[in-house]
Amino acid sequence: MSVEPGWAERARRYERGEVEEEEEEDRKKRRTRKRRRYEREEVEEEEEEEEEEEEEEEEEEEEEEKREMEVQEEI
């Protein structure tokens, strides 16, 4: 029965408690990456919402200007 390379070393490190420390570090890194990804996504969503709001405001201003022009023409 052959043992895959690295498993014996991993077993020795596990006995010394090093594997658990590495796994905890890996979990922390994954959580950090996940948190940063969510933060980026939230920022992107906020920017998109702001752009949509700005576009809506511009459209409303254009409509307001058109109405004012129509009122001026009637007078």
C-alpha atoms as a PDB file:
ATOM      1  CA  MET A   1       0.000   0.000   0.000  1.00  0.00           C
ATOM      2  CA  SER A   2       1.572   3.283  -1.062  1.00  0.00           C
ATOM      3  CA  VAL A   3       1.170   6.541   0.753  1.00  0.00           C
ATOM      4  CA  GLU A   4       0.826   9.705  -1.260  1.00  0.00           C
ATOM      5  CA  PRO A   5       3.806  12.030  -0.951  1.00  0.00           C
ATOM      6  CA  GLY A   6       3.288  14.665   1.684  1.00  0.00           C
ATOM      7  CA  TRP A   7       0.833  12.729   3.817  1.00  0.00           C
ATOM      8  CA  ALA A   8       3.507  11.414   6.167  1.00  0.00           C
ATOM      9  CA  GLU A   9       4.848  14.929   6.650  1.00  0.00           C
ATOM     10  CA  ARG A  10       1.321  16.225   7.179  1.00  0.00           C
ATOM     11  CA  ALA A  11       0.730  13.510   9.794  1.00  0.00           C
ATOM     12  CA  ARG A  12       3.884  14.541  11.663  1.00  0.00           C
ATOM     13  CA  ARG A  13       2.901  18.212  11.510  1.00  0.00           C
ATOM     14  CA  TYR A  14      -0.607  17.320  12.655  1.00  0.00           C
ATOM     15  CA  GLU A  15       0.824  15.590  15.703  1.00  0.00           C
ATOM     16  CA  ARG A  16       2.752  18.754  16.511  1.00  0.00           C
ATOM     17  CA  GLY A  17      -0.407  20.872  16.104  1.00  0.00           C
ATOM     18  CA  GLU A  18       0.912  22.775  13.096  1.00  0.00           C
ATOM     19  CA  VAL A  19      -1.822  21.595  10.746  1.00  0.00           C
ATOM     20  CA  GLU A  20      -4.577  22.990  12.943  1.00  0.00           C
ATOM     21  CA  GLU A  21      -2.823  26.360  13.031  1.00  0.00           C
ATOM     22  CA  GLU A  22      -2.480  26.353   9.243  1.00  0.00           C
ATOM     23  CA  GLU A  23      -6.119  25.388   8.805  1.00  0.00           C
ATOM     24  CA  GLU A  24      -7.199  28.195  11.135  1.00  0.00           C
ATOM     25  CA  GLU A  25      -5.068  30.659   9.177  1.00  0.00           C
ATOM     26  CA  ASP A  26      -6.611  29.402   5.935  1.00  0.00           C
ATOM     27  CA  ARG A  27     -10.120  29.836   7.375  1.00  0.00           C
ATOM     28  CA  LYS A  28      -9.279  33.393   8.442  1.00  0.00           C
ATOM     29  CA  LYS A  29      -7.930  34.192   4.982  1.00  0.00           C
ATOM     30  CA  ARG A  30     -11.042  32.763   3.317  1.00  0.00           C
ATOM     31  CA  ARG A  31     -13.308  34.767   5.622  1.00  0.00           C
ATOM     32  CA  THR A  32     -11.302  37.899   4.904  1.00  0.00           C
ATOM     33  CA  ARG A  33     -11.477  37.333   1.147  1.00  0.00           C
ATOM     34  CA  LYS A  34     -15.201  36.630   1.375  1.00  0.00           C
ATOM     35  CA  ARG A  35     -15.805  39.775   3.470  1.00  0.00           C
ATOM     36  CA  ARG A  36     -13.810  41.907   1.039  1.00  0.00           C
ATOM     37  CA  ARG A  37     -15.720  40.442  -1.906  1.00  0.00           C
ATOM     38  CA  TYR A  38     -19.040  41.251  -0.231  1.00  0.00           C
ATOM     39  CA  GLU A  39     -17.812  44.765   0.544  1.00  0.00           C
ATOM     40  CA  ARG A  40     -16.811  45.276  -3.105  1.00  0.00           C
ATOM     41  CA  GLU A  41     -20.179  43.975  -4.260  1.00  0.00           C
ATOM     42  CA  GLU A  42     -21.975  46.304  -1.851  1.00  0.00           C
ATOM     43  CA  VAL A  43     -19.951  49.274  -3.079  1.00  0.00           C
ATOM     44  CA  GLU A  44     -20.709  48.357  -6.689  1.00  0.00           C
ATOM     45  CA  GLU A  45     -24.420  48.065  -5.896  1.00  0.00           C
ATOM     46  CA  GLU A  46     -24.395  51.434  -4.130  1.00  0.00           C
ATOM     47  CA  GLU A  47     -22.631  53.049  -7.088  1.00  0.00           C
ATOM     48  CA  GLU A  48     -25.168  51.557  -9.496  1.00  0.00           C
ATOM     49  CA  GLU A  49     -28.040  52.822  -7.351  1.00  0.00           C
ATOM     50  CA  GLU A  50     -26.488  56.294  -7.220  1.00  0.00           C
ATOM     51  CA  GLU A  51     -26.098  56.317 -11.004  1.00  0.00           C
ATOM     52  CA  GLU A  52     -29.730  55.284 -11.440  1.00  0.00           C
ATOM     53  CA  GLU A  53     -30.862  58.013  -9.050  1.00  0.00           C
ATOM     54  CA  GLU A  54     -28.787  60.599 -10.908  1.00  0.00           C
ATOM     55  CA  GLU A  55     -30.272  59.490 -14.231  1.00  0.00           C
ATOM     56  CA  GLU A  56     -33.788  59.721 -12.799  1.00  0.00           C
ATOM     57  CA  GLU A  57     -33.070  63.205 -11.447  1.00  0.00           C
ATOM     58  CA  GLU A  58     -31.724  64.302 -14.830  1.00  0.00           C
ATOM     59  CA  GLU A  59     -34.828  62.954 -16.559  1.00  0.00           C
ATOM     60  CA  GLU A  60     -37.066  64.758 -14.076  1.00  0.00           C
ATOM     61  CA  GLU A  61     -35.148  67.998 -14.622  1.00  0.00           C
ATOM     62  CA  GLU A  62     -35.494  67.631 -18.396  1.00  0.00           C
ATOM     63  CA  GLU A  63     -39.244  67.036 -18.054  1.00  0.00           C
ATOM     64  CA  GLU A  64     -39.524  70.066 -15.770  1.00  0.00           C
ATOM     65  CA  GLU A  65     -37.673  72.204 -18.310  1.00  0.00           C
ATOM     66  CA  LYS A  66     -39.971  70.972 -21.092  1.00  0.00           C
ATOM     67  CA  ARG A  67     -43.034  71.876 -19.043  1.00  0.00           C
ATOM     68  CA  GLU A  68     -41.628  75.318 -18.318  1.00  0.00           C
ATOM     69  CA  MET A  69     -40.924  75.835 -22.025  1.00  0.00           C
ATOM     70  CA  GLU A  70     -44.491  74.811 -22.870  1.00  0.00           C
ATOM     71  CA  VAL A  71     -45.858  77.218 -20.284  1.00  0.00           C
ATOM     72  CA  GLN A  72     -43.669  80.011 -21.690  1.00  0.00           C
ATOM     73  CA  GLU A  73     -44.918  79.275 -25.208  1.00  0.00           C
ATOM     74  CA  GLU A  74     -48.531  79.458 -24.051  1.00  0.00           C
ATOM     75  CA  ILE A  75     -47.944  82.858 -22.508  1.00  0.00           C
END
